[in-house]
Amino acid sequence: MGGVETGHLRRQGGWRQNRLTTSGRGVWSACLLLATLAAAAPPQPDRITVDRRGGVLELAWSDSEERLQGSIQPLAPRAGEPLKVTLHVGSFQGAPFEGPLTVSLRERGATHGQVLTVPKGAVNWHAEFVPERAAVHQLDVSFRTTRIKVLHAELDVGAPRLPHLLLWGGLGLGVLLALLGGLRLLQKEKPSGSPAPETGISSAPGPDEPSSL
């Protein structure tokens, strides 16, 4: 009986171990499959790609009807500084698009932001914004051809620069403090003057001394 029970327990342990191994392999295979699908998934149809190229942030998007190209300057946008957006919409078929664009800039996750309705210039559409805070921002571009199309791009907005006046003021204060520190150091190192020697000649006779007259 003991041998039978021992063999039965061994078979149960082996079955459990095989089950755990198979389960672990299944989880690993599922994770690998999800990662492969995520890597191979096409970009979202309303997402504008943003690439750093030629000193600007280059924008690109297209579908079967239109193509949008453009740029954002400067390359590293900062809060409190102008951000210039240049856009161009081209049509693959039919008449060229000449209508206005609605362009907005807002912090990611915010429901409101700066909104501009931009008419077409000589060739391109131009918009200018001033981001208020350092954060990830979303640029939205919408226009209507056969239907309303709303496109999105994300960009990082950095912290504002120090004003030049404040920067030069801080530099001048640092130089002044360094000069004062140097003067104090020189005063400490300079030896103190020796006391004047005493002379035996008195300017006036003492009360007990007879006058020479």
Foldseek 3Di string as FASTA:
>chain_A
DVVVVVVVVVVVVVVVVVVVVVVVVVVVVVVVVVVVCVVPPDDDQQEWDWDQPDQWTWTWHDDQFKIKTWTWPHRAAAAQDKIKIKMAMATPDDDGDFAWKWKFKDAPPDPDGDIDTWGADPGITMDMDHHHAFHKMKIWIWDADPHIGIHIYIDTHHYDDDDPVVVVVVVVVVVVVVVVVVVVVVVVPDDDDDDDDDDPDDPDDDPPDDDPD
